[in-house]
Amino acid sequence: KNHEQTSLLPLDNVAKGVEPKKEIPLQKQAKGFLGRAADLIQLRPQHQQLRHIFHMLFGGCLVFDTYDNGLEYRRVALEQSVKVPLIVTMDGERLETTGIVYAGRTKQRSKF
């Protein structure tokens, strides 16, 4: 048999944490920084109280306009011993906290 698995996040079981500051470390060196992923999600006014859920799901993920700008920020941050979270770009590249870079597209499409 082919089993599928589903993950659920009951909203009433999620503890409300403290939202991170809008500013990031080394903000002045962050050319092309667009914001934290959770803050870039547009929510209707009646759903603003759910913003902490997105901060929990996306962590400190930073969004940059280009790969080069994200990579440069990562380089400067590491030189100054600043912890670097996941960085993503508008084109879909991912610079993991470990330094692994994911780029390109997969041929498989989502079922959703």
PDB file of N, CA and C in Angstrom:
ATOM      1  N   LYS A   1       0.821  -1.184   0.000  1.00  0.00           N
ATOM      2  CA  LYS A   1       0.000   0.000   0.000  1.00  0.00           C
ATOM      3  C   LYS A   1       0.870   1.254   0.000  1.00  0.00           C
ATOM      4  N   ASN A   2       0.349   2.300  -0.580  1.00  0.00           N
ATOM      5  CA  ASN A   2       1.031   3.586  -0.611  1.00  0.00           C
ATOM      6  C   ASN A   2       0.413   4.490   0.462  1.00  0.00           C
ATOM      7  N   HIS A   3       1.151   4.748   1.516  1.00  0.00           N
ATOM      8  CA  HIS A   3       0.639   5.557   2.622  1.00  0.00           C
ATOM      9  C   HIS A   3       1.105   6.993   2.475  1.00  0.00           C
ATOM     10  N   GLU A   4       0.195   7.907   2.730  1.00  0.00           N
ATOM     11  CA  GLU A   4       0.544   9.317   2.734  1.00  0.00           C
ATOM     12  C   GLU A   4       0.435   9.829   4.152  1.00  0.00           C
ATOM     13  N   GLN A   5       1.242  10.816   4.466  1.00  0.00           N
ATOM     14  CA  GLN A   5       1.255  11.369   5.805  1.00  0.00           C
ATOM     15  C   GLN A   5       0.906  12.842   5.737  1.00  0.00           C
ATOM     16  N   THR A   6       0.191  13.300   6.737  1.00  0.00           N
ATOM     17  CA  THR A   6      -0.192  14.699   6.827  1.00  0.00           C
ATOM     18  C   THR A   6       0.258  15.236   8.176  1.00  0.00           C
ATOM     19  N   SER A   7       0.768  16.442   8.174  1.00  0.00           N
ATOM     20  CA  SER A   7       1.141  17.112   9.426  1.00  0.00           C
ATOM     21  C   SER A   7       0.157  18.234   9.683  1.00  0.00           C
ATOM     22  N   LEU A   8      -0.242  18.364  10.918  1.00  0.00           N
ATOM     23  CA  LEU A   8      -1.186  19.408  11.309  1.00  0.00           C
ATOM     24  C   LEU A   8      -0.559  20.284  12.378  1.00  0.00           C
ATOM     25  N   LEU A   9      -0.959  21.531  12.399  1.00  0.00           N
ATOM     26  CA  LEU A   9      -0.514  22.454  13.427  1.00  0.00           C
ATOM     27  C   LEU A   9      -1.753  23.087  14.057  1.00  0.00           C
ATOM     28  N   PRO A  10      -2.269  22.466  15.127  1.00  0.00           N
ATOM     29  CA  PRO A  10      -3.445  23.048  15.780  1.00  0.00           C
ATOM     30  C   PRO A  10      -3.085  24.419  16.356  1.00  0.00           C
ATOM     31  N   LEU A  11      -3.749  25.450  15.888  1.00  0.00           N
ATOM     32  CA  LEU A  11      -3.400  26.815  16.269  1.00  0.00           C
ATOM     33  C   LEU A  11      -3.576  27.085  17.753  1.00  0.00           C
ATOM     34  N   ASP A  12      -4.483  26.370  18.395  1.00  0.00           N
ATOM     35  CA  ASP A  12      -4.677  26.595  19.822  1.00  0.00           C
ATOM     36  C   ASP A  12      -3.599  25.934  20.678  1.00  0.00           C
ATOM     37  N   ASN A  13      -2.708  25.139  20.046  1.00  0.00           N
ATOM     38  CA  ASN A  13      -1.602  24.499  20.773  1.00  0.00           C
ATOM     39  C   ASN A  13      -0.283  25.234  20.601  1.00  0.00           C
ATOM     40  N   VAL A  14      -0.278  26.330  19.872  1.00  0.00           N
ATOM     41  CA  VAL A  14       0.959  27.047  19.593  1.00  0.00           C
ATOM     42  C   VAL A  14       1.125  28.180  20.590  1.00  0.00           C
ATOM     43  N   ALA A  15       2.233  28.143  21.308  1.00  0.00           N
ATOM     44  CA  ALA A  15       2.519  29.206  22.268  1.00  0.00           C
ATOM     45  C   ALA A  15       2.942  30.465  21.518  1.00  0.00           C
ATOM     46  N   LYS A  16       2.435  31.589  21.962  1.00  0.00           N
ATOM     47  CA  LYS A  16       2.798  32.845  21.326  1.00  0.00           C
ATOM     48  C   LYS A  16       4.155  33.283  21.850  1.00  0.00           C
ATOM     49  N   GLY A  17       5.105  33.380  20.949  1.00  0.00           N
ATOM     50  CA  GLY A  17       6.445  33.809  21.321  1.00  0.00           C
ATOM     51  C   GLY A  17       6.634  35.291  21.050  1.00  0.00           C
ATOM     52  N   VAL A  18       7.818  35.739  21.258  1.00  0.00           N
ATOM     53  CA  VAL A  18       8.154  37.138  20.990  1.00  0.00           C
ATOM     54  C   VAL A  18       8.596  37.247  19.543  1.00  0.00           C
ATOM     55  N   GLU A  19       7.982  38.171  18.813  1.00  0.00           N
ATOM     56  CA  GLU A  19       8.377  38.357  17.418  1.00  0.00           C
ATOM     57  C   GLU A  19       9.752  38.999  17.367  1.00  0.00           C
ATOM     58  N   PRO A  20      10.580  38.577  16.408  1.00  0.00           N
ATOM     59  CA  PRO A  20      11.921  39.156  16.302  1.00  0.00           C
ATOM     60  C   PRO A  20      11.866  40.615  15.865  1.00  0.00           C
ATOM     61  N   LYS A  21      12.954  41.323  16.124  1.00  0.00           N
ATOM     62  CA  LYS A  21      13.053  42.717  15.694  1.00  0.00           C
ATOM     63  C   LYS A  21      13.018  42.773  14.177  1.00  0.00           C
ATOM     64  N   LYS A  22      12.503  43.867  13.636  1.00  0.00           N
ATOM     65  CA  LYS A  22      12.474  44.035  12.178  1.00  0.00           C
ATOM     66  C   LYS A  22      13.884  44.180  11.632  1.00  0.00           C
ATOM     67  N   GLU A  23      14.745  44.837  12.401  1.00  0.00           N
ATOM     68  CA  GLU A  23      16.123  45.049  11.959  1.00  0.00           C
ATOM     69  C   GLU A  23      16.934  43.783  12.214  1.00  0.00           C
ATOM     70  N   ILE A  24      17.865  43.513  11.332  1.00  0.00           N
ATOM     71  CA  ILE A  24      18.716  42.336  11.470  1.00  0.00           C
ATOM     72  C   ILE A  24      20.131  42.782  11.796  1.00  0.00           C
ATOM     73  N   PRO A  25      20.963  41.877  12.328  1.00  0.00           N
ATOM     74  CA  PRO A  25      22.356  42.242  12.561  1.00  0.00           C
ATOM     75  C   PRO A  25      23.020  42.675  11.243  1.00  0.00           C
ATOM     76  N   LEU A  26      23.870  43.653  11.318  1.00  0.00           N
ATOM     77  CA  LEU A  26      24.597  44.159  10.139  1.00  0.00           C
ATOM     78  C   LEU A  26      23.642  44.678   9.072  1.00  0.00           C
ATOM     79  N   GLN A  27      22.555  45.294   9.483  1.00  0.00           N
ATOM     80  CA  GLN A  27      21.524  45.794   8.558  1.00  0.00           C
ATOM     81  C   GLN A  27      22.127  46.686   7.460  1.00  0.00           C
ATOM     82  N   LYS A  28      23.105  47.517   7.808  1.00  0.00           N
ATOM     83  CA  LYS A  28      23.688  48.449   6.831  1.00  0.00           C
ATOM     84  C   LYS A  28      24.453  47.722   5.728  1.00  0.00           C
ATOM     85  N   GLN A  29      24.955  46.517   6.024  1.00  0.00           N
ATOM     86  CA  GLN A  29      25.671  45.728   5.015  1.00  0.00           C
ATOM     87  C   GLN A  29      24.752  44.775   4.259  1.00  0.00           C
ATOM     88  N   ALA A  30      23.470  44.848   4.521  1.00  0.00           N
ATOM     89  CA  ALA A  30      22.514  43.894   3.945  1.00  0.00           C
ATOM     90  C   ALA A  30      21.895  44.450   2.661  1.00  0.00           C
ATOM     91  N   LYS A  31      22.722  44.664   1.659  1.00  0.00           N
ATOM     92  CA  LYS A  31      22.221  45.158   0.375  1.00  0.00           C
ATOM     93  C   LYS A  31      21.222  44.152  -0.204  1.00  0.00           C
ATOM     94  N   GLY A  32      20.074  44.637  -0.640  1.00  0.00           N
ATOM     95  CA  GLY A  32      19.070  43.769  -1.247  1.00  0.00           C
ATOM     96  C   GLY A  32      18.211  43.014  -0.264  1.00  0.00           C
ATOM     97  N   PHE A  33      18.334  43.315   1.031  1.00  0.00           N
ATOM     98  CA  PHE A  33      17.526  42.636   2.050  1.00  0.00           C
ATOM     99  C   PHE A  33      16.086  43.118   1.942  1.00  0.00           C
ATOM    100  N   LEU A  34      15.152  42.181   1.778  1.00  0.00           N
ATOM    101  CA  LEU A  34      13.741  42.523   1.607  1.00  0.00           C
ATOM    102  C   LEU A  34      12.939  42.376   2.896  1.00  0.00           C
ATOM    103  N   GLY A  35      13.431  41.570   3.823  1.00  0.00           N
ATOM    104  CA  GLY A  35      12.736  41.386   5.087  1.00  0.00           C
ATOM    105  C   GLY A  35      12.804  39.945   5.550  1.00  0.00           C
ATOM    106  N   ARG A  36      12.244  39.709   6.724  1.00  0.00           N
ATOM    107  CA  ARG A  36      12.113  38.340   7.220  1.00  0.00           C
ATOM    108  C   ARG A  36      10.925  37.706   6.490  1.00  0.00           C
ATOM    109  N   ALA A  37      11.044  36.443   6.156  1.00  0.00           N
ATOM    110  CA  ALA A  37       9.997  35.765   5.387  1.00  0.00           C
ATOM    111  C   ALA A  37       8.629  35.919   6.048  1.00  0.00           C
ATOM    112  N   ALA A  38       8.574  35.749   7.353  1.00  0.00           N
ATOM    113  CA  ALA A  38       7.282  35.828   8.058  1.00  0.00           C
ATOM    114  C   ALA A  38       6.672  37.221   7.978  1.00  0.00           C
ATOM    115  N   ASP A  39       7.508  38.250   7.915  1.00  0.00           N
ATOM    116  CA  ASP A  39       6.999  39.618   7.849  1.00  0.00           C
ATOM    117  C   ASP A  39       6.550  40.008   6.444  1.00  0.00           C
ATOM    118  N   LEU A  40       6.995  39.269   5.447  1.00  0.00           N
ATOM    119  CA  LEU A  40       6.622  39.582   4.066  1.00  0.00           C
ATOM    120  C   LEU A  40       5.272  38.992   3.665  1.00  0.00           C
ATOM    121  N   ILE A  41       4.742  38.136   4.502  1.00  0.00           N
ATOM    122  CA  ILE A  41       3.434  37.544   4.232  1.00  0.00           C
ATOM    123  C   ILE A  41       2.357  38.566   4.561  1.00  0.00           C
ATOM    124  N   GLN A  42       1.490  38.802   3.605  1.00  0.00           N
ATOM    125  CA  GLN A  42       0.405  39.760   3.823  1.00  0.00           C
ATOM    126  C   GLN A  42      -0.786  39.044   4.445  1.00  0.00           C
ATOM    127  N   LEU A  43      -1.180  39.547   5.609  1.00  0.00           N
ATOM    128  CA  LEU A  43      -2.324  38.985   6.316  1.00  0.00           C
ATOM    129  C   LEU A  43      -3.436  40.016   6.383  1.00  0.00           C
ATOM    130  N   ARG A  44      -4.655  39.540   6.325  1.00  0.00           N
ATOM    131  CA  ARG A  44      -5.797  40.439   6.515  1.00  0.00           C
ATOM    132  C   ARG A  44      -5.772  40.951   7.951  1.00  0.00           C
ATOM    133  N   PRO A  45      -6.332  42.129   8.180  1.00  0.00           N
ATOM    134  CA  PRO A  45      -6.322  42.681   9.549  1.00  0.00           C
ATOM    135  C   PRO A  45      -6.864  41.715  10.602  1.00  0.00           C
ATOM    136  N   GLN A  46      -7.893  40.971  10.273  1.00  0.00           N
ATOM    137  CA  GLN A  46      -8.478  40.057  11.258  1.00  0.00           C
ATOM    138  C   GLN A  46      -7.590  38.836  11.537  1.00  0.00           C
ATOM    139  N   HIS A  47      -6.525  38.657  10.743  1.00  0.00           N
ATOM    140  CA  HIS A  47      -5.626  37.521  10.945  1.00  0.00           C
ATOM    141  C   HIS A  47      -4.248  37.927  11.464  1.00  0.00           C
ATOM    142  N   GLN A  48      -4.037  39.188  11.758  1.00  0.00           N
ATOM    143  CA  GLN A  48      -2.731  39.660  12.224  1.00  0.00           C
ATOM    144  C   GLN A  48      -2.272  38.946  13.493  1.00  0.00           C
ATOM    145  N   GLN A  49      -3.203  38.516  14.319  1.00  0.00           N
ATOM    146  CA  GLN A  49      -2.830  37.834  15.555  1.00  0.00           C
ATOM    147  C   GLN A  49      -2.164  36.487  15.286  1.00  0.00           C
ATOM    148  N   LEU A  50      -2.177  36.027  14.035  1.00  0.00           N
ATOM    149  CA  LEU A  50      -1.543  34.752  13.669  1.00  0.00           C
ATOM    150  C   LEU A  50      -0.104  34.921  13.176  1.00  0.00           C
ATOM    151  N   ARG A  51       0.385  36.147  13.133  1.00  0.00           N
ATOM    152  CA  ARG A  51       1.731  36.409  12.611  1.00  0.00           C
ATOM    153  C   ARG A  51       2.780  35.568  13.333  1.00  0.00           C
ATOM    154  N   HIS A  52       2.624  35.371  14.641  1.00  0.00           N
ATOM    155  CA  HIS A  52       3.616  34.596  15.393  1.00  0.00           C
ATOM    156  C   HIS A  52       3.721  33.151  14.880  1.00  0.00           C
ATOM    157  N   ILE A  53       2.654  32.640  14.306  1.00  0.00           N
ATOM    158  CA  ILE A  53       2.688  31.283  13.731  1.00  0.00           C
ATOM    159  C   ILE A  53       3.699  31.239  12.582  1.00  0.00           C
ATOM    160  N   PHE A  54       3.678  32.255  11.743  1.00  0.00           N
ATOM    161  CA  PHE A  54       4.597  32.292  10.602  1.00  0.00           C
ATOM    162  C   PHE A  54       6.036  32.494  11.056  1.00  0.00           C
ATOM    163  N   HIS A  55       6.232  33.266  12.125  1.00  0.00           N
ATOM    164  CA  HIS A  55       7.586  33.407  12.670  1.00  0.00           C
ATOM    165  C   HIS A  55       8.080  32.065  13.193  1.00  0.00           C
ATOM    166  N   MET A  56       7.197  31.286  13.789  1.00  0.00           N
ATOM    167  CA  MET A  56       7.584  29.981  14.282  1.00  0.00           C
ATOM    168  C   MET A  56       7.926  29.040  13.115  1.00  0.00           C
ATOM    169  N   LEU A  57       7.102  29.059  12.069  1.00  0.00           N
ATOM    170  CA  LEU A  57       7.305  28.161  10.934  1.00  0.00           C
ATOM    171  C   LEU A  57       8.538  28.512  10.113  1.00  0.00           C
ATOM    172  N   PHE A  58       8.763  29.812   9.890  1.00  0.00           N
ATOM    173  CA  PHE A  58       9.877  30.248   9.045  1.00  0.00           C
ATOM    174  C   PHE A  58      11.144  30.565   9.833  1.00  0.00           C
ATOM    175  N   GLY A  59      11.042  30.582  11.147  1.00  0.00           N
ATOM    176  CA  GLY A  59      12.218  30.908  11.956  1.00  0.00           C
ATOM    177  C   GLY A  59      12.720  32.298  11.601  1.00  0.00           C
ATOM    178  N   GLY A  60      14.004  32.468  11.548  1.00  0.00           N
ATOM    179  CA  GLY A  60      14.592  33.765  11.229  1.00  0.00           C
ATOM    180  C   GLY A  60      14.905  33.925   9.758  1.00  0.00           C
ATOM    181  N   CYS A  61      14.273  33.145   8.903  1.00  0.00           N
ATOM    182  CA  CYS A  61      14.571  33.141   7.463  1.00  0.00           C
ATOM    183  C   CYS A  61      14.583  34.557   6.895  1.00  0.00           C
ATOM    184  N   LEU A  62      15.699  34.908   6.228  1.00  0.00           N
ATOM    185  CA  LEU A  62      15.864  36.227   5.621  1.00  0.00           C
ATOM    186  C   LEU A  62      15.661  36.128   4.114  1.00  0.00           C
ATOM    187  N   VAL A  63      15.029  37.136   3.531  1.00  0.00           N
ATOM    188  CA  VAL A  63      14.776  37.151   2.092  1.00  0.00           C
ATOM    189  C   VAL A  63      15.598  38.278   1.466  1.00  0.00           C
ATOM    190  N   PHE A  64      16.372  37.914   0.445  1.00  0.00           N
ATOM    191  CA  PHE A  64      17.160  38.879  -0.319  1.00  0.00           C
ATOM    192  C   PHE A  64      16.684  38.884  -1.765  1.00  0.00           C
ATOM    193  N   ASP A  65      16.948  39.981  -2.441  1.00  0.00           N
ATOM    194  CA  ASP A  65      16.504  40.091  -3.829  1.00  0.00           C
ATOM    195  C   ASP A  65      17.278  39.175  -4.766  1.00  0.00           C
ATOM    196  N   THR A  66      18.573  39.000  -4.528  1.00  0.00           N
ATOM    197  CA  THR A  66      19.385  38.162  -5.411  1.00  0.00           C
ATOM    198  C   THR A  66      20.281  37.230  -4.601  1.00  0.00           C
ATOM    199  N   TYR A  67      20.749  36.209  -5.253  1.00  0.00           N
ATOM    200  CA  TYR A  67      21.686  35.260  -4.655  1.00  0.00           C
ATOM    201  C   TYR A  67      22.971  35.978  -4.242  1.00  0.00           C
ATOM    202  N   ASP A  68      23.500  36.817  -5.135  1.00  0.00           N
ATOM    203  CA  ASP A  68      24.758  37.510  -4.845  1.00  0.00           C
ATOM    204  C   ASP A  68      24.650  38.374  -3.595  1.00  0.00           C
ATOM    205  N   ASN A  69      23.539  39.080  -3.427  1.00  0.00           N
ATOM    206  CA  ASN A  69      23.360  39.918  -2.242  1.00  0.00           C
ATOM    207  C   ASN A  69      23.225  39.072  -0.975  1.00  0.00           C
ATOM    208  N   GLY A  70      22.499  37.974  -1.056  1.00  0.00           N
ATOM    209  CA  GLY A  70      22.369  37.078   0.091  1.00  0.00           C
ATOM    210  C   GLY A  70      23.700  36.459   0.471  1.00  0.00           C
ATOM    211  N   LEU A  71      24.471  36.043  -0.537  1.00  0.00           N
ATOM    212  CA  LEU A  71      25.777  35.437  -0.296  1.00  0.00           C
ATOM    213  C   LEU A  71      26.744  36.448   0.314  1.00  0.00           C
ATOM    214  N   GLU A  72      26.702  37.678  -0.162  1.00  0.00           N
ATOM    215  CA  GLU A  72      27.575  38.718   0.382  1.00  0.00           C
ATOM    216  C   GLU A  72      27.224  39.009   1.838  1.00  0.00           C
ATOM    217  N   TYR A  73      25.941  39.084   2.147  1.00  0.00           N
ATOM    218  CA  TYR A  73      25.536  39.290   3.534  1.00  0.00           C
ATOM    219  C   TYR A  73      26.045  38.148   4.401  1.00  0.00           C
ATOM    220  N   ARG A  74      25.884  36.927   3.920  1.00  0.00           N
ATOM    221  CA  ARG A  74      26.350  35.759   4.668  1.00  0.00           C
ATOM    222  C   ARG A  74      27.844  35.842   4.926  1.00  0.00           C
ATOM    223  N   ARG A  75      28.612  36.213   3.902  1.00  0.00           N
ATOM    224  CA  ARG A  75      30.076  36.310   4.032  1.00  0.00           C
ATOM    225  C   ARG A  75      30.455  37.334   5.101  1.00  0.00           C
ATOM    226  N   VAL A  76      29.870  38.532   5.032  1.00  0.00           N
ATOM    227  CA  VAL A  76      30.171  39.597   5.992  1.00  0.00           C
ATOM    228  C   VAL A  76      29.769  39.172   7.404  1.00  0.00           C
ATOM    229  N   ALA A  77      28.608  38.566   7.542  1.00  0.00           N
ATOM    230  CA  ALA A  77      28.134  38.134   8.859  1.00  0.00           C
ATOM    231  C   ALA A  77      29.070  37.088   9.462  1.00  0.00           C
ATOM    232  N   LEU A  78      29.478  36.116   8.661  1.00  0.00           N
ATOM    233  CA  LEU A  78      30.366  35.079   9.173  1.00  0.00           C
ATOM    234  C   LEU A  78      31.727  35.643   9.559  1.00  0.00           C
ATOM    235  N   GLU A  79      32.225  36.623   8.793  1.00  0.00           N
ATOM    236  CA  GLU A  79      33.502  37.262   9.125  1.00  0.00           C
ATOM    237  C   GLU A  79      33.435  37.939  10.486  1.00  0.00           C
ATOM    238  N   GLN A  80      32.254  38.403  10.870  1.00  0.00           N
ATOM    239  CA  GLN A  80      32.081  39.102  12.143  1.00  0.00           C
ATOM    240  C   GLN A  80      31.454  38.199  13.210  1.00  0.00           C
ATOM    241  N   SER A  81      31.470  36.896  12.951  1.00  0.00           N
ATOM    242  CA  SER A  81      30.959  35.886  13.886  1.00  0.00           C
ATOM    243  C   SER A  81      29.499  36.091  14.257  1.00  0.00           C
ATOM    244  N   VAL A  82      28.715  36.554  13.288  1.00  0.00           N
ATOM    245  CA  VAL A  82      27.279  36.713  13.480  1.00  0.00           C
ATOM    246  C   VAL A  82      26.596  35.460  12.951  1.00  0.00           C
ATOM    247  N   LYS A  83      25.724  34.866  13.760  1.00  0.00           N
ATOM    248  CA  LYS A  83      24.998  33.670  13.331  1.00  0.00           C
ATOM    249  C   LYS A  83      24.096  34.037  12.152  1.00  0.00           C
ATOM    250  N   VAL A  84      24.150  33.223  11.113  1.00  0.00           N
ATOM    251  CA  VAL A  84      23.382  33.497   9.901  1.00  0.00           C
ATOM    252  C   VAL A  84      22.263  32.475   9.762  1.00  0.00           C
ATOM    253  N   PRO A  85      21.012  32.937   9.721  1.00  0.00           N
ATOM    254  CA  PRO A  85      19.896  32.002   9.524  1.00  0.00           C
ATOM    255  C   PRO A  85      19.778  31.604   8.048  1.00  0.00           C
ATOM    256  N   LEU A  86      18.775  30.823   7.754  1.00  0.00           N
ATOM    257  CA  LEU A  86      18.471  30.471   6.367  1.00  0.00           C
ATOM    258  C   LEU A  86      18.251  31.754   5.566  1.00  0.00           C
ATOM    259  N   ILE A  87      18.827  31.806   4.375  1.00  0.00           N
ATOM    260  CA  ILE A  87      18.631  32.934   3.457  1.00  0.00           C
ATOM    261  C   ILE A  87      17.984  32.384   2.193  1.00  0.00           C
ATOM    262  N   VAL A  88      16.938  33.032   1.737  1.00  0.00           N
ATOM    263  CA  VAL A  88      16.306  32.661   0.471  1.00  0.00           C
ATOM    264  C   VAL A  88      16.267  33.891  -0.426  1.00  0.00           C
ATOM    265  N   THR A  89      16.143  33.638  -1.730  1.00  0.00           N
ATOM    266  CA  THR A  89      16.053  34.746  -2.685  1.00  0.00           C
ATOM    267  C   THR A  89      14.708  34.707  -3.393  1.00  0.00           C
ATOM    268  N   MET A  90      14.411  35.764  -4.081  1.00  0.00           N
ATOM    269  CA  MET A  90      13.157  35.847  -4.828  1.00  0.00           C
ATOM    270  C   MET A  90      13.118  34.847  -5.986  1.00  0.00           C
ATOM    271  N   ASP A  91      14.278  34.347  -6.404  1.00  0.00           N
ATOM    272  CA  ASP A  91      14.328  33.343  -7.466  1.00  0.00           C
ATOM    273  C   ASP A  91      14.277  31.919  -6.930  1.00  0.00           C
ATOM    274  N   GLY A  92      14.230  31.767  -5.608  1.00  0.00           N
ATOM    275  CA  GLY A  92      14.091  30.444  -5.025  1.00  0.00           C
ATOM    276  C   GLY A  92      15.371  29.794  -4.553  1.00  0.00           C
ATOM    277  N   GLU A  93      16.521  30.467  -4.677  1.00  0.00           N
ATOM    278  CA  GLU A  93      17.749  29.877  -4.146  1.00  0.00           C
ATOM    279  C   GLU A  93      17.695  29.902  -2.629  1.00  0.00           C
ATOM    280  N   ARG A  94      18.331  28.883  -2.019  1.00  0.00           N
ATOM    281  CA  ARG A  94      18.392  28.794  -0.559  1.00  0.00           C
ATOM    282  C   ARG A  94      19.831  28.661  -0.133  1.00  0.00           C
ATOM    283  N   LEU A  95      20.246  29.494   0.794  1.00  0.00           N
ATOM    284  CA  LEU A  95      21.559  29.385   1.420  1.00  0.00           C
ATOM    285  C   LEU A  95      21.299  28.919   2.852  1.00  0.00           C
ATOM    286  N   GLU A  96      21.535  27.650   3.083  1.00  0.00           N
ATOM    287  CA  GLU A  96      21.247  27.063   4.394  1.00  0.00           C
ATOM    288  C   GLU A  96      22.223  27.586   5.443  1.00  0.00           C
ATOM    289  N   THR A  97      21.851  27.447   6.705  1.00  0.00           N
ATOM    290  CA  THR A  97      22.725  27.886   7.790  1.00  0.00           C
ATOM    291  C   THR A  97      24.046  27.122   7.770  1.00  0.00           C
ATOM    292  N   THR A  98      24.035  25.935   7.208  1.00  0.00           N
ATOM    293  CA  THR A  98      25.245  25.108   7.116  1.00  0.00           C
ATOM    294  C   THR A  98      26.173  25.553   5.994  1.00  0.00           C
ATOM    295  N   GLY A  99      25.685  26.401   5.098  1.00  0.00           N
ATOM    296  CA  GLY A  99      26.476  26.830   3.949  1.00  0.00           C
ATOM    297  C   GLY A  99      26.077  26.119   2.662  1.00  0.00           C
ATOM    298  N   ILE A 100      25.245  25.104   2.757  1.00  0.00           N
ATOM    299  CA  ILE A 100      24.778  24.399   1.565  1.00  0.00           C
ATOM    300  C   ILE A 100      23.875  25.334   0.771  1.00  0.00           C
ATOM    301  N   VAL A 101      24.053  25.327  -0.552  1.00  0.00           N
ATOM    302  CA  VAL A 101      23.243  26.175  -1.430  1.00  0.00           C
ATOM    303  C   VAL A 101      22.363  25.284  -2.292  1.00  0.00           C
ATOM    304  N   TYR A 102      21.079  25.614  -2.336  1.00  0.00           N
ATOM    305  CA  TYR A 102      20.140  24.922  -3.211  1.00  0.00           C
ATOM    306  C   TYR A 102      19.680  25.915  -4.264  1.00  0.00           C
ATOM    307  N   ALA A 103      19.813  25.519  -5.517  1.00  0.00           N
ATOM    308  CA  ALA A 103      19.401  26.399  -6.606  1.00  0.00           C
ATOM    309  C   ALA A 103      18.808  25.546  -7.718  1.00  0.00           C
ATOM    310  N   GLY A 104      18.109  26.187  -8.627  1.00  0.00           N
ATOM    311  CA  GLY A 104      17.508  25.472  -9.741  1.00  0.00           C
ATOM    312  C   GLY A 104      16.106  25.020  -9.430  1.00  0.00           C
ATOM    313  N   ARG A 105      15.545  24.292 -10.353  1.00  0.00           N
ATOM    314  CA  ARG A 105      14.170  23.829 -10.213  1.00  0.00           C
ATOM    315  C   ARG A 105      14.131  22.321 -10.347  1.00  0.00           C
ATOM    316  N   THR A 106      13.126  21.727  -9.722  1.00  0.00           N
ATOM    317  CA  THR A 106      12.938  20.301  -9.874  1.00  0.00           C
ATOM    318  C   THR A 106      11.857  20.068 -10.926  1.00  0.00           C
ATOM    319  N   LYS A 107      11.895  18.928 -11.555  1.00  0.00           N
ATOM    320  CA  LYS A 107      10.919  18.597 -12.580  1.00  0.00           C
ATOM    321  C   LYS A 107       9.595  18.157 -11.975  1.00  0.00           C
ATOM    322  N   GLN A 108       9.657  17.615 -10.759  1.00  0.00           N
ATOM    323  CA  GLN A 108       8.447  17.137 -10.116  1.00  0.00           C
ATOM    324  C   GLN A 108       7.606  18.308  -9.641  1.00  0.00           C
ATOM    325  N   ARG A 109       6.323  18.245  -9.943  1.00  0.00           N
ATOM    326  CA  ARG A 109       5.398  19.305  -9.520  1.00  0.00           C
ATOM    327  C   ARG A 109       4.641  18.839  -8.288  1.00  0.00           C
ATOM    328  N   SER A 110       4.266  19.785  -7.502  1.00  0.00           N
ATOM    329  CA  SER A 110       3.503  19.502  -6.301  1.00  0.00           C
ATOM    330  C   SER A 110       2.103  19.024  -6.682  1.00  0.00           C
ATOM    331  N   LYS A 111       1.524  18.193  -5.829  1.00  0.00           N
ATOM    332  CA  LYS A 111       0.171  17.698  -6.054  1.00  0.00           C
ATOM    333  C   LYS A 111      -0.866  18.748  -5.669  1.00  0.00           C
ATOM    334  N   PHE A 112      -0.415  19.798  -4.990  1.00  0.00           N
ATOM    335  CA  PHE A 112      -1.366  20.796  -4.497  1.00  0.00           C
ATOM    336  C   PHE A 112      -1.562  21.823  -5.529  1.00  0.00           C
TER     337      PHE A 112
END
